[in-house]
Protein backbone atom coordinates (compact mmCIF):
# COMPACT_ATOMS: atom_id res chain seq x y z
CA ASP A 1 -0.85 31.28 62.59
CA GLY A 2 -4.49 32.21 61.86
CA PRO A 3 -6.49 35.44 61.49
CA VAL A 4 -5.20 38.43 63.46
CA GLN A 5 -7.49 39.34 66.38
CA THR A 6 -5.27 41.75 68.31
CA PHE A 7 -2.77 44.21 66.85
CA ARG A 8 -1.41 46.88 69.21
CA ILE A 9 1.69 49.08 69.26
CA ASP A 10 3.07 50.06 72.67
CA PRO A 11 3.24 53.75 73.72
CA THR A 12 6.97 53.95 73.00
CA GLY A 13 6.55 52.61 69.46
CA THR A 14 9.12 49.89 70.07
CA ARG A 15 6.91 46.80 70.47
CA LEU A 16 3.97 45.36 68.56
CA LEU A 17 1.69 42.77 70.19
CA VAL A 18 -0.05 40.49 67.70
CA GLY A 19 -2.69 37.94 68.71
CA THR A 20 -4.12 35.33 66.35
CA TRP A 21 -6.99 32.87 66.69
CA ARG A 22 -7.42 29.75 64.58
CA LEU A 23 -10.57 27.63 64.31
CA PRO A 24 -11.70 24.87 64.73
CA GLU A 25 -9.23 24.13 67.54
CA SER A 26 -9.43 27.64 69.09
CA ALA A 27 -5.65 27.87 68.93
CA VAL A 28 -4.35 31.22 70.15
CA GLY A 29 -1.00 32.66 69.19
CA LEU A 30 0.56 35.74 70.79
CA ALA A 31 3.79 37.31 69.65
CA VAL A 32 5.67 40.48 70.50
CA VAL A 33 7.56 41.96 67.58
CA ALA A 34 10.42 44.31 68.52
CA LEU A 35 10.30 47.28 66.17
CA ASP A 36 13.58 48.71 67.47
CA GLY A 37 15.83 45.79 66.51
CA THR A 38 15.94 44.20 69.98
CA THR A 39 14.64 40.72 70.77
CA GLY A 40 10.87 40.25 70.79
CA CYS A 41 8.79 37.29 71.94
CA PRO A 42 8.09 34.97 69.01
CA SER A 43 5.67 32.98 71.15
CA LEU A 44 3.94 34.35 74.23
CA ALA A 45 1.06 31.98 74.89
CA PRO A 46 -0.31 31.89 78.43
CA ASP A 47 -2.09 28.61 79.22
CA GLY A 48 -5.81 28.18 78.72
CA ILE A 49 -6.67 31.15 76.49
CA ASN A 50 -9.55 30.60 74.08
CA PHE A 51 -9.55 34.05 72.49
CA PRO A 52 -7.23 37.07 72.81
CA GLY A 53 -9.00 40.30 73.75
CA ASP A 54 -8.10 43.93 74.16
CA VAL A 55 -4.71 45.11 75.40
CA ALA A 56 -3.56 48.07 77.52
CA PHE A 57 0.17 48.78 77.67
CA ALA A 58 2.06 50.30 80.58
CA GLY A 59 3.53 53.71 79.76
CA ASP A 60 7.04 52.31 79.35
CA GLY A 61 5.85 49.51 77.01
CA ARG A 62 7.49 46.76 79.07
CA THR A 63 4.29 45.24 80.42
CA ALA A 64 0.69 45.03 79.27
CA TRP A 65 -2.69 43.93 80.60
CA MET A 66 -4.76 41.78 78.26
CA TYR A 67 -8.33 40.54 78.57
CA ALA A 68 -8.61 36.91 77.48
CA SER A 69 -11.55 34.59 77.03
CA MET A 70 -11.09 31.30 78.87
CA PRO A 71 -12.95 27.95 78.83
CA LYS A 72 -16.37 27.46 80.49
CA ARG A 73 -17.58 31.07 80.10
CA GLN A 74 -14.67 32.38 82.13
CA GLY A 75 -12.37 35.30 81.39
CA ALA A 76 -9.19 36.69 82.84
CA LEU A 77 -7.08 39.80 82.95
CA LEU A 78 -3.49 38.81 82.26
CA LYS A 79 -0.47 40.95 83.08
CA LEU A 80 2.24 40.18 80.54
CA ASP A 81 5.95 40.99 80.75
CA LEU A 82 6.91 41.87 77.19
CA THR A 83 10.64 41.85 77.99
CA SER A 84 10.92 38.40 79.60
CA CYS A 85 8.03 36.97 77.49
CA SER A 86 6.09 35.74 80.50
CA GLU A 87 2.79 36.03 82.34
CA LEU A 88 3.18 38.01 85.59
CA ALA A 89 -0.37 37.85 86.97
CA ARG A 90 -3.83 36.47 86.22
CA LEU A 91 -7.09 37.82 87.62
CA PRO A 92 -10.03 35.46 86.94
CA LEU A 93 -13.32 36.99 85.75
CA GLN A 94 -16.82 35.63 85.03
CA HIS A 95 -18.36 36.11 81.57
CA GLY A 96 -21.92 37.41 81.48
């Protein structure tokens, strides 16, 4: 729901990660679309994200790292499990 900000296909060509951002409430939506007919993640929304950033997939396409903008000039690197639709790790960062 909202303009697409992130649109990435995994290295295997089986998953598509789509991130949206809607103003004025800064609502973020993340979804994983399975391009191979398996189950995707209709809603993958880790807590506290203000804006979805760039994504780097693991070689097998099952996990991905994503940079996300957070409240109060903070950021984070999030490790996402695209199979179980969950956040595996979060590394806090400081915005400049």
